[in-house]
C-alpha atoms as a PDB file:
ATOM      1  CA  MET A   1      16.994 -33.082  -5.651  1.00  0.00           C
ATOM      2  CA  ARG A   2      17.749 -36.780  -6.049  1.00  0.00           C
ATOM      3  CA  THR A   3      14.785 -38.814  -7.259  1.00  0.00           C
ATOM      4  CA  ALA A   4      14.567 -42.597  -7.315  1.00  0.00           C
ATOM      5  CA  VAL A   5      12.123 -43.999  -9.890  1.00  0.00           C
ATOM      6  CA  VAL A   6      11.053 -47.614  -9.286  1.00  0.00           C
ATOM      7  CA  VAL A   7       9.393 -49.079 -12.387  1.00  0.00           C
ATOM      8  CA  ASN A   8       7.333 -52.213 -12.946  1.00  0.00           C
ATOM      9  CA  LEU A   9       9.090 -53.348 -16.117  1.00  0.00           C
ATOM     10  CA  SER A  10       6.412 -55.955 -16.846  1.00  0.00           C
ATOM     11  CA  LYS A  11       4.013 -53.159 -17.835  1.00  0.00           C
ATOM     12  CA  LYS A  12       4.683 -51.288 -21.094  1.00  0.00           C
ATOM     13  CA  GLU A  13       2.553 -48.396 -19.853  1.00  0.00           C
ATOM     14  CA  ALA A  14       4.757 -48.123 -16.757  1.00  0.00           C
ATOM     15  CA  ILE A  15       7.936 -47.921 -18.854  1.00  0.00           C
ATOM     16  CA  SER A  16       6.597 -45.163 -21.128  1.00  0.00           C
ATOM     17  CA  CYS A  17       5.208 -43.297 -18.112  1.00  0.00           C
ATOM     18  CA  ALA A  18       8.555 -43.561 -16.291  1.00  0.00           C
ATOM     19  CA  GLN A  19      10.342 -42.197 -19.376  1.00  0.00           C
ATOM     20  CA  GLY A  20       8.111 -39.128 -19.223  1.00  0.00           C
ATOM     21  CA  ILE A  21       8.754 -38.750 -15.489  1.00  0.00           C
ATOM     22  CA  ALA A  22      12.523 -39.007 -15.938  1.00  0.00           C
ATOM     23  CA  ILE A  23      12.529 -36.338 -18.680  1.00  0.00           C
ATOM     24  CA  LEU A  24      10.276 -34.099 -16.578  1.00  0.00           C
ATOM     25  CA  MET A  25      12.471 -34.333 -13.486  1.00  0.00           C
ATOM     26  CA  LEU A  26      15.723 -33.870 -15.415  1.00  0.00           C
ATOM     27  CA  SER A  27      14.341 -30.814 -17.215  1.00  0.00           C
ATOM     28  CA  ASN A  28      13.708 -29.296 -13.783  1.00  0.00           C
ATOM     29  CA  ASN A  29      17.291 -29.890 -12.606  1.00  0.00           C
ATOM     30  CA  ALA A  30      16.548 -32.977 -10.506  1.00  0.00           C
ATOM     31  CA  GLU A  31      18.740 -36.076 -10.602  1.00  0.00           C
ATOM     32  CA  VAL A  32      17.102 -39.369 -11.552  1.00  0.00           C
ATOM     33  CA  PHE A  33      18.149 -42.759 -10.155  1.00  0.00           C
ATOM     34  CA  MET A  34      16.935 -46.198 -11.258  1.00  0.00           C
ATOM     35  CA  LEU A  35      17.802 -49.866 -10.910  1.00  0.00           C
ATOM     36  CA  SER A  36      20.373 -51.273 -13.346  1.00  0.00           C
ATOM     37  CA  GLU A  37      17.753 -53.573 -14.902  1.00  0.00           C
ATOM     38  CA  CYS A  38      16.080 -50.467 -16.343  1.00  0.00           C
ATOM     39  CA  LYS A  39      19.058 -49.483 -18.537  1.00  0.00           C
ATOM     40  CA  PRO A  40      17.848 -51.073 -21.798  1.00  0.00           C
ATOM     41  CA  PHE A  41      14.572 -49.117 -21.628  1.00  0.00           C
ATOM     42  CA  PHE A  42      16.017 -45.664 -20.875  1.00  0.00           C
ATOM     43  CA  ARG A  43      18.938 -45.253 -23.269  1.00  0.00           C
ATOM     44  CA  GLY A  44      19.747 -41.659 -24.126  1.00  0.00           C
ATOM     45  CA  ILE A  45      18.339 -40.346 -20.831  1.00  0.00           C
ATOM     46  CA  GLN A  46      20.805 -39.125 -18.203  1.00  0.00           C
ATOM     47  CA  ILE A  47      20.064 -41.565 -15.377  1.00  0.00           C
ATOM     48  CA  SER A  48      22.282 -42.958 -12.616  1.00  0.00           C
ATOM     49  CA  TYR A  49      21.835 -46.663 -11.902  1.00  0.00           C
ATOM     50  CA  PHE A  50      22.109 -48.865  -8.809  1.00  0.00           C
ATOM     51  CA  ASP A  51      22.296 -52.650  -8.568  1.00  0.00           C
ATOM     52  CA  SER A  52      20.012 -53.030  -5.547  1.00  0.00           C
ATOM     53  CA  ILE A  53      16.801 -51.349  -4.456  1.00  0.00           C
ATOM     54  CA  GLU A  54      18.301 -50.822  -0.978  1.00  0.00           C
ATOM     55  CA  GLU A  55      21.102 -48.675  -2.442  1.00  0.00           C
ATOM     56  CA  LEU A  56      18.689 -46.941  -4.807  1.00  0.00           C
ATOM     57  CA  ILE A  57      16.271 -45.794  -2.112  1.00  0.00           C
ATOM     58  CA  ALA A  58      19.019 -44.969   0.397  1.00  0.00           C
ATOM     59  CA  SER A  59      20.696 -42.657  -2.142  1.00  0.00           C
ATOM     60  CA  CYS A  60      17.602 -40.606  -3.010  1.00  0.00           C
ATOM     61  CA  ASP A  61      15.670 -37.755  -1.408  1.00  0.00           C
ATOM     62  CA  ILE A  62      12.293 -38.903  -2.728  1.00  0.00           C
ATOM     63  CA  ALA A  63      11.117 -42.143  -4.338  1.00  0.00           C
ATOM     64  CA  ILE A  64       8.531 -42.436  -7.123  1.00  0.00           C
ATOM     65  CA  THR A  65       6.987 -45.797  -8.011  1.00  0.00           C
ATOM     66  CA  VAL A  66       5.437 -46.413 -11.419  1.00  0.00           C
ATOM     67  CA  GLY A  67       3.145 -49.425 -11.512  1.00  0.00           C
ATOM     68  CA  GLY A  68       0.350 -50.737  -9.309  1.00  0.00           C
ATOM     69  CA  ASP A  69      -0.068 -51.159  -5.570  1.00  0.00           C
ATOM     70  CA  GLY A  70       2.315 -54.126  -5.644  1.00  0.00           C
ATOM     71  CA  THR A  71       5.127 -51.855  -6.850  1.00  0.00           C
ATOM     72  CA  ILE A  72       4.389 -49.386  -4.061  1.00  0.00           C
ATOM     73  CA  ILE A  73       4.317 -52.100  -1.388  1.00  0.00           C
ATOM     74  CA  HIS A  74       7.630 -53.565  -2.579  1.00  0.00           C
ATOM     75  CA  ALA A  75       9.385 -50.180  -2.543  1.00  0.00           C
ATOM     76  CA  ALA A  76       7.682 -49.040   0.667  1.00  0.00           C
ATOM     77  CA  LYS A  77       9.673 -51.440   2.866  1.00  0.00           C
ATOM     78  CA  TYR A  78      12.962 -49.945   1.702  1.00  0.00           C
ATOM     79  CA  SER A  79      11.561 -46.427   1.821  1.00  0.00           C
ATOM     80  CA  ALA A  80      10.557 -46.895   5.462  1.00  0.00           C
ATOM     81  CA  LYS A  81      13.928 -48.395   6.427  1.00  0.00           C
ATOM     82  CA  SER A  82      15.740 -45.420   4.865  1.00  0.00           C
ATOM     83  CA  ASP A  83      13.149 -42.900   6.140  1.00  0.00           C
ATOM     84  CA  LYS A  84      12.546 -41.584   2.615  1.00  0.00           C
ATOM     85  CA  PRO A  85       9.140 -40.299   1.434  1.00  0.00           C
ATOM     86  CA  LEU A  86       7.402 -42.156  -1.378  1.00  0.00           C
ATOM     87  CA  ILE A  87       4.767 -41.366  -3.994  1.00  0.00           C
ATOM     88  CA  GLY A  88       3.066 -43.772  -6.378  1.00  0.00           C
ATOM     89  CA  VAL A  89       1.993 -43.253  -9.977  1.00  0.00           C
ATOM     90  CA  ASN A  90      -0.823 -45.681 -10.757  1.00  0.00           C
ATOM     91  CA  VAL A  91      -0.406 -47.739 -13.901  1.00  0.00           C
ATOM     92  CA  GLY A  92      -2.279 -50.677 -12.382  1.00  0.00           C
ATOM     93  CA  ARG A  93      -5.996 -51.322 -12.381  1.00  0.00           C
ATOM     94  CA  LEU A  94      -6.915 -49.877  -8.985  1.00  0.00           C
ATOM     95  CA  GLY A  95      -3.969 -48.255  -7.245  1.00  0.00           C
ATOM     96  CA  PHE A  96      -5.508 -47.578  -3.828  1.00  0.00           C
ATOM     97  CA  ALA A  97      -2.156 -46.404  -2.440  1.00  0.00           C
ATOM     98  CA  ALA A  98      -1.103 -44.368  -5.500  1.00  0.00           C
ATOM     99  CA  ASP A  99      -1.613 -40.605  -5.500  1.00  0.00           C
ATOM    100  CA  VAL A 100      -1.025 -39.753  -9.167  1.00  0.00           C
ATOM    101  CA  GLU A 101      -2.551 -41.072 -12.393  1.00  0.00           C
ATOM    102  CA  PRO A 102      -0.453 -41.220 -15.617  1.00  0.00           C
ATOM    103  CA  GLU A 103      -2.179 -38.153 -17.082  1.00  0.00           C
ATOM    104  CA  GLU A 104      -1.191 -36.181 -13.964  1.00  0.00           C
ATOM    105  CA  ILE A 105       2.589 -36.707 -13.989  1.00  0.00           C
ATOM    106  CA  SER A 106       3.194 -33.000 -14.712  1.00  0.00           C
ATOM    107  CA  LYS A 107       2.198 -32.441 -11.057  1.00  0.00           C
ATOM    108  CA  LEU A 108       5.378 -34.225  -9.969  1.00  0.00           C
ATOM    109  CA  VAL A 109       7.287 -30.953 -10.449  1.00  0.00           C
ATOM    110  CA  HIS A 110       5.789 -29.958  -7.075  1.00  0.00           C
ATOM    111  CA  LEU A 111       8.134 -32.501  -5.503  1.00  0.00           C
ATOM    112  CA  ILE A 112      10.978 -30.177  -6.435  1.00  0.00           C
ATOM    113  CA  ASP A 113       9.439 -26.976  -5.052  1.00  0.00           C
ATOM    114  CA  GLY A 114       8.222 -28.739  -1.896  1.00  0.00           C
ATOM    115  CA  ASN A 115       4.531 -28.082  -2.572  1.00  0.00           C
ATOM    116  CA  TYR A 116       3.202 -31.331  -1.135  1.00  0.00           C
ATOM    117  CA  SER A 117       2.095 -32.958   2.117  1.00  0.00           C
ATOM    118  CA  ILE A 118       3.160 -36.216   3.759  1.00  0.00           C
ATOM    119  CA  GLU A 119       0.891 -38.823   5.321  1.00  0.00           C
ATOM    120  CA  GLU A 120       2.441 -41.245   7.803  1.00  0.00           C
ATOM    121  CA  ARG A 121       1.158 -44.816   7.723  1.00  0.00           C
ATOM    122  CA  ILE A 122       1.835 -47.484  10.335  1.00  0.00           C
ATOM    123  CA  LEU A 123       3.633 -50.708   9.417  1.00  0.00           C
ATOM    124  CA  PHE A 124       3.708 -54.089  11.155  1.00  0.00           C
ATOM    125  CA  ASP A 125       6.652 -55.817  12.748  1.00  0.00           C
ATOM    126  CA  VAL A 126       5.849 -59.520  12.281  1.00  0.00           C
ATOM    127  CA  GLU A 127       7.985 -61.827  14.406  1.00  0.00           C
ATOM    128  CA  VAL A 128       8.141 -65.585  13.851  1.00  0.00           C
ATOM    129  CA  ILE A 129       9.432 -67.573  16.825  1.00  0.00           C
ATOM    130  CA  LYS A 130      10.664 -71.106  16.179  1.00  0.00           C
ATOM    131  CA  GLY A 131      12.110 -72.616  19.343  1.00  0.00           C
ATOM    132  CA  ASP A 132      15.002 -70.415  20.460  1.00  0.00           C
ATOM    133  CA  ASN A 133      15.181 -68.576  17.142  1.00  0.00           C
ATOM    134  CA  SER A 134      13.131 -65.653  15.899  1.00  0.00           C
ATOM    135  CA  LYS A 135      12.982 -63.626  12.709  1.00  0.00           C
ATOM    136  CA  HIS A 136      11.325 -60.295  11.983  1.00  0.00           C
ATOM    137  CA  TYR A 137       9.475 -59.189   8.837  1.00  0.00           C
ATOM    138  CA  LEU A 138       8.107 -55.777   7.867  1.00  0.00           C
ATOM    139  CA  ALA A 139       4.522 -55.655   6.577  1.00  0.00           C
ATOM    140  CA  VAL A 140       2.981 -52.722   4.706  1.00  0.00           C
ATOM    141  CA  ASN A 141      -0.460 -54.179   3.960  1.00  0.00           C
ATOM    142  CA  ASP A 142      -1.034 -57.401   5.835  1.00  0.00           C
ATOM    143  CA  ALA A 143       0.152 -60.618   7.420  1.00  0.00           C
ATOM    144  CA  ILE A 144      -1.950 -63.752   6.869  1.00  0.00           C
ATOM    145  CA  ILE A 145      -1.671 -67.036   8.746  1.00  0.00           C
ATOM    146  CA  ALA A 146      -3.558 -69.602   6.684  1.00  0.00           C
ATOM    147  CA  ARG A 147      -3.803 -73.347   6.287  1.00  0.00           C
ATOM    148  CA  GLY A 148      -1.394 -75.026   3.882  1.00  0.00           C
ATOM    149  CA  GLN A 149      -2.450 -76.771   0.693  1.00  0.00           C
ATOM    150  CA  LEU A 150      -2.724 -80.185   2.366  1.00  0.00           C
ATOM    151  CA  SER A 151      -4.227 -78.928   5.634  1.00  0.00           C
ATOM    152  CA  ARG A 152      -7.881 -78.818   6.497  1.00  0.00           C
ATOM    153  CA  ILE A 153      -9.485 -76.139   8.642  1.00  0.00           C
ATOM    154  CA  VAL A 154      -7.154 -75.205  11.532  1.00  0.00           C
ATOM    155  CA  ASP A 155      -7.488 -74.082  15.156  1.00  0.00           C
ATOM    156  CA  LEU A 156      -5.818 -70.786  15.976  1.00  0.00           C
ATOM    157  CA  GLN A 157      -5.214 -69.365  19.452  1.00  0.00           C
ATOM    158  CA  LEU A 158      -5.084 -65.559  19.627  1.00  0.00           C
ATOM    159  CA  SER A 159      -3.435 -63.707  22.523  1.00  0.00           C
ATOM    160  CA  LEU A 160      -3.460 -60.002  23.320  1.00  0.00           C
ATOM    161  CA  ASN A 161      -0.562 -58.609  25.362  1.00  0.00           C
ATOM    162  CA  ASN A 162       0.378 -62.128  26.585  1.00  0.00           C
ATOM    163  CA  GLU A 163      -3.186 -63.067  27.554  1.00  0.00           C
ATOM    164  CA  ALA A 164      -5.198 -65.624  25.576  1.00  0.00           C
ATOM    165  CA  ILE A 165      -8.417 -63.994  24.391  1.00  0.00           C
ATOM    166  CA  ALA A 166      -9.963 -66.149  21.655  1.00  0.00           C
ATOM    167  CA  LYS A 167      -9.834 -69.397  19.710  1.00  0.00           C
ATOM    168  CA  TYR A 168     -10.765 -69.568  16.054  1.00  0.00           C
ATOM    169  CA  ARG A 169     -11.509 -72.526  13.816  1.00  0.00           C
ATOM    170  CA  ALA A 170     -10.985 -71.118  10.352  1.00  0.00           C
ATOM    171  CA  ASP A 171      -8.942 -71.196   7.172  1.00  0.00           C
ATOM    172  CA  GLY A 172      -6.747 -68.554   8.781  1.00  0.00           C
ATOM    173  CA  LEU A 173      -6.388 -65.158  10.451  1.00  0.00           C
ATOM    174  CA  LEU A 174      -5.643 -61.972   8.541  1.00  0.00           C
ATOM    175  CA  PHE A 175      -3.929 -59.019  10.239  1.00  0.00           C
ATOM    176  CA  SER A 176      -4.133 -55.787   8.279  1.00  0.00           C
ATOM    177  CA  THR A 177      -2.725 -52.295   8.646  1.00  0.00           C
ATOM    178  CA  PRO A 178      -5.150 -49.435   7.948  1.00  0.00           C
ATOM    179  CA  THR A 179      -3.441 -49.058   4.568  1.00  0.00           C
ATOM    180  CA  GLY A 180      -4.139 -52.729   3.832  1.00  0.00           C
ATOM    181  CA  SER A 181      -7.800 -52.623   4.889  1.00  0.00           C
ATOM    182  CA  THR A 182      -8.771 -52.050   1.237  1.00  0.00           C
ATOM    183  CA  ALA A 183      -6.768 -55.075   0.052  1.00  0.00           C
ATOM    184  CA  TYR A 184      -7.279 -58.742   1.024  1.00  0.00           C
ATOM    185  CA  ALA A 185      -8.993 -57.725   4.283  1.00  0.00           C
ATOM    186  CA  LEU A 186     -11.798 -56.037   2.324  1.00  0.00           C
ATOM    187  CA  SER A 187     -12.305 -59.144   0.171  1.00  0.00           C
ATOM    188  CA  ALA A 188     -12.413 -61.254   3.357  1.00  0.00           C
ATOM    189  CA  GLY A 189     -15.296 -59.170   4.686  1.00  0.00           C
ATOM    190  CA  GLY A 190     -13.349 -56.766   6.884  1.00  0.00           C
ATOM    191  CA  PRO A 191     -14.242 -53.096   7.386  1.00  0.00           C
ATOM    192  CA  ILE A 192     -12.674 -50.158   5.604  1.00  0.00           C
ATOM    193  CA  VAL A 193     -10.343 -48.239   7.909  1.00  0.00           C
ATOM    194  CA  ALA A 194      -9.069 -44.708   7.278  1.00  0.00           C
ATOM    195  CA  PRO A 195      -5.372 -45.140   6.375  1.00  0.00           C
ATOM    196  CA  GLN A 196      -4.149 -42.557   8.911  1.00  0.00           C
ATOM    197  CA  MET A 197      -5.543 -44.505  11.874  1.00  0.00           C
ATOM    198  CA  ASP A 198      -3.303 -46.179  14.444  1.00  0.00           C
ATOM    199  CA  CYS A 199      -4.746 -49.679  14.812  1.00  0.00           C
ATOM    200  CA  ILE A 200      -4.459 -53.373  13.940  1.00  0.00           C
ATOM    201  CA  LEU A 201      -7.329 -55.000  12.060  1.00  0.00           C
ATOM    202  CA  MET A 202      -7.847 -58.759  12.551  1.00  0.00           C
ATOM    203  CA  THR A 203     -10.226 -60.659  10.246  1.00  0.00           C
ATOM    204  CA  PRO A 204     -10.911 -64.427  10.404  1.00  0.00           C
ATOM    205  CA  VAL A 205     -10.710 -66.083   6.972  1.00  0.00           C
ATOM    206  CA  CYS A 206     -13.675 -68.407   6.310  1.00  0.00           C
ATOM    207  CA  PRO A 207     -14.372 -68.979  10.037  1.00  0.00           C
ATOM    208  CA  HIS A 208     -16.320 -72.068  11.152  1.00  0.00           C
ATOM    209  CA  SER A 209     -18.692 -69.824  13.112  1.00  0.00           C
ATOM    210  CA  LEU A 210     -21.282 -67.219  12.217  1.00  0.00           C
ATOM    211  CA  PHE A 211     -20.167 -65.135  15.197  1.00  0.00           C
ATOM    212  CA  SER A 212     -16.525 -64.708  14.184  1.00  0.00           C
ATOM    213  CA  ARG A 213     -16.122 -61.152  12.955  1.00  0.00           C
ATOM    214  CA  SER A 214     -13.344 -58.643  12.366  1.00  0.00           C
ATOM    215  CA  VAL A 215     -11.850 -57.018  15.459  1.00  0.00           C
ATOM    216  CA  LEU A 216     -10.058 -53.666  15.641  1.00  0.00           C
ATOM    217  CA  PHE A 217      -7.189 -53.487  18.172  1.00  0.00           C
ATOM    218  CA  SER A 218      -5.351 -50.366  19.320  1.00  0.00           C
ATOM    219  CA  GLY A 219      -2.018 -49.598  17.712  1.00  0.00           C
ATOM    220  CA  ASP A 220      -0.072 -50.340  20.907  1.00  0.00           C
ATOM    221  CA  SER A 221      -1.376 -53.930  21.057  1.00  0.00           C
ATOM    222  CA  THR A 222       0.846 -56.991  20.791  1.00  0.00           C
ATOM    223  CA  LEU A 223      -0.988 -59.910  19.204  1.00  0.00           C
ATOM    224  CA  ALA A 224       0.278 -63.488  19.124  1.00  0.00           C
ATOM    225  CA  VAL A 225      -1.011 -66.508  17.211  1.00  0.00           C
ATOM    226  CA  GLU A 226      -0.330 -70.191  17.761  1.00  0.00           C
ATOM    227  CA  VAL A 227      -1.816 -72.901  15.554  1.00  0.00           C
ATOM    228  CA  LYS A 228      -3.074 -76.369  16.421  1.00  0.00           C
ATOM    229  CA  ILE A 229      -2.382 -78.715  13.527  1.00  0.00           C
ATOM    230  CA  PRO A 230      -1.003 -82.247  13.076  1.00  0.00           C
ATOM    231  CA  HIS A 231       2.800 -82.401  13.203  1.00  0.00           C
ATOM    232  CA  ASP A 232       2.982 -83.573   9.591  1.00  0.00           C
ATOM    233  CA  CYS A 233       1.109 -80.446   8.399  1.00  0.00           C
ATOM    234  CA  CYS A 234       1.879 -76.753   8.407  1.00  0.00           C
ATOM    235  CA  CYS A 235       0.284 -73.369   8.007  1.00  0.00           C
ATOM    236  CA  VAL A 236       1.739 -70.580   5.908  1.00  0.00           C
ATOM    237  CA  LEU A 237       2.425 -67.014   6.989  1.00  0.00           C
ATOM    238  CA  THR A 238       2.262 -64.645   4.015  1.00  0.00           C
ATOM    239  CA  ILE A 239       3.602 -61.100   4.293  1.00  0.00           C
ATOM    240  CA  ASP A 240       2.151 -58.610   1.784  1.00  0.00           C
ATOM    241  CA  GLY A 241       1.685 -61.431  -0.726  1.00  0.00           C
ATOM    242  CA  GLU A 242       5.469 -61.453  -1.237  1.00  0.00           C
ATOM    243  CA  LYS A 243       7.044 -63.578   1.498  1.00  0.00           C
ATOM    244  CA  ASN A 244       5.889 -67.039   2.637  1.00  0.00           C
ATOM    245  CA  VAL A 245       7.003 -68.695   5.885  1.00  0.00           C
ATOM    246  CA  ASP A 246       5.964 -72.195   7.010  1.00  0.00           C
ATOM    247  CA  ILE A 247       4.353 -72.172  10.465  1.00  0.00           C
ATOM    248  CA  LEU A 248       4.444 -75.422  12.456  1.00  0.00           C
ATOM    249  CA  ALA A 249       2.467 -76.525  15.508  1.00  0.00           C
ATOM    250  CA  ASN A 250       4.970 -75.199  18.075  1.00  0.00           C
ATOM    251  CA  ASP A 251       5.731 -71.907  16.326  1.00  0.00           C
ATOM    252  CA  LYS A 252       4.420 -68.526  17.405  1.00  0.00           C
ATOM    253  CA  VAL A 253       3.672 -65.473  15.242  1.00  0.00           C
ATOM    254  CA  ILE A 254       3.665 -62.051  16.915  1.00  0.00           C
ATOM    255  CA  ILE A 255       2.142 -58.984  15.258  1.00  0.00           C
ATOM    256  CA  ARG A 256       2.826 -55.504  16.573  1.00  0.00           C
ATOM    257  CA  LYS A 257       3.201 -51.992  15.201  1.00  0.00           C
ATOM    258  CA  SER A 258       6.684 -51.373  13.814  1.00  0.00           C
ATOM    259  CA  GLU A 259       8.894 -48.566  15.035  1.00  0.00           C
ATOM    260  CA  LEU A 260       9.252 -47.666  11.364  1.00  0.00           C
ATOM    261  CA  SER A 261       6.560 -45.790   9.468  1.00  0.00           C
ATOM    262  CA  LEU A 262       5.791 -45.226   5.809  1.00  0.00           C
ATOM    263  CA  LYS A 263       5.806 -41.626   4.608  1.00  0.00           C
ATOM    264  CA  LEU A 264       3.499 -41.283   1.606  1.00  0.00           C
ATOM    265  CA  ILE A 265       3.605 -38.048  -0.381  1.00  0.00           C
ATOM    266  CA  SER A 266       0.300 -36.480  -1.374  1.00  0.00           C
ATOM    267  CA  LEU A 267       0.029 -33.933  -4.180  1.00  0.00           C
ATOM    268  CA  ASN A 268      -3.733 -34.202  -4.505  1.00  0.00           C
ATOM    269  CA  LYS A 269      -5.980 -33.250  -1.605  1.00  0.00           C
ATOM    270  CA  ARG A 270      -8.592 -35.917  -2.200  1.00  0.00           C
ATOM    271  CA  ASN A 271     -11.274 -37.175   0.152  1.00  0.00           C
ATOM    272  CA  PHE A 272     -10.289 -40.758   1.025  1.00  0.00           C
ATOM    273  CA  TYR A 273     -13.849 -42.107   1.045  1.00  0.00           C
ATOM    274  CA  LYS A 274     -14.815 -40.395  -2.194  1.00  0.00           C
ATOM    275  CA  ARG A 275     -11.728 -41.783  -3.921  1.00  0.00           C
ATOM    276  CA  LEU A 276     -12.423 -45.198  -2.423  1.00  0.00           C
ATOM    277  CA  ASN A 277     -15.931 -45.267  -3.882  1.00  0.00           C
ATOM    278  CA  GLU A 278     -14.536 -44.342  -7.288  1.00  0.00           C
ATOM    279  CA  LYS A 279     -11.966 -47.155  -7.102  1.00  0.00           C
ATOM    280  CA  LEU A 280     -14.500 -49.738  -5.941  1.00  0.00           C
ATOM    281  CA  LYS A 281     -16.769 -48.867  -8.860  1.00  0.00           C
ATOM    282  CA  GLU A 282     -13.806 -49.502 -11.189  1.00  0.00           C
ATOM    283  CA  ARG A 283     -13.372 -52.933  -9.562  1.00  0.00           C
ATOM    284  CA  GLU A 284     -16.884 -53.898 -10.653  1.00  0.00           C
ATOM    285  CA  ILE A 285     -15.953 -53.619 -14.333  1.00  0.00           C
END
């Protein structure tokens, strides 16, 4: 079996944990692949290296991330595009999307004998239309349309399946996948959604109304947002906290479920809500 290990090299704990994972997988006759930037930290271990994460994920059977949720989200886009299952080892503080803790890495041998289950999670296809041009982005957690640094509160027009349904005066609108409902959406006052659900969660950010609340749309919905702002200002579309796109007054942002899906490996049969409560208690520290 070919295993890609994606490591957050900014965390010493992640590097030492990944070393243990590589030795474990190799001792069980699995191949281990990593990015070339990992070479200095894994000398003496028989690892094959790739220059890009696209090549790395495409060449593996299973991908393992070692870091926090940010590491999982970054690798998840490439995992979904290559239709490769992914599992996360949590070396971050919370790790909502991770399935394995560092002290549990011995369980990863079950990847080799096939003793695991796979959960499919929906992703978003986020389209930005600027005049006659459009560009698509893949979102794992969320897509946020928010006012720029120099903008005041903005007016946002929301449409559902080509029909205008609501206007919001707010700092922005946050669209979250079920997986992302425990991320920024939760901090913005949105509900917790079971990650296996097929839906789109929309939460106004600091709305100028006491009656503006989160709305849950069906997974087959197509949502569109247009902003009303002065021509010398702009809003910013942020995808998963990684990609920023300037949104001008005549631009349109469309959010729909992607044809791609994320396949997350589960070795531990844990109750989602019980695990969530445990993680939220850790956040209070």
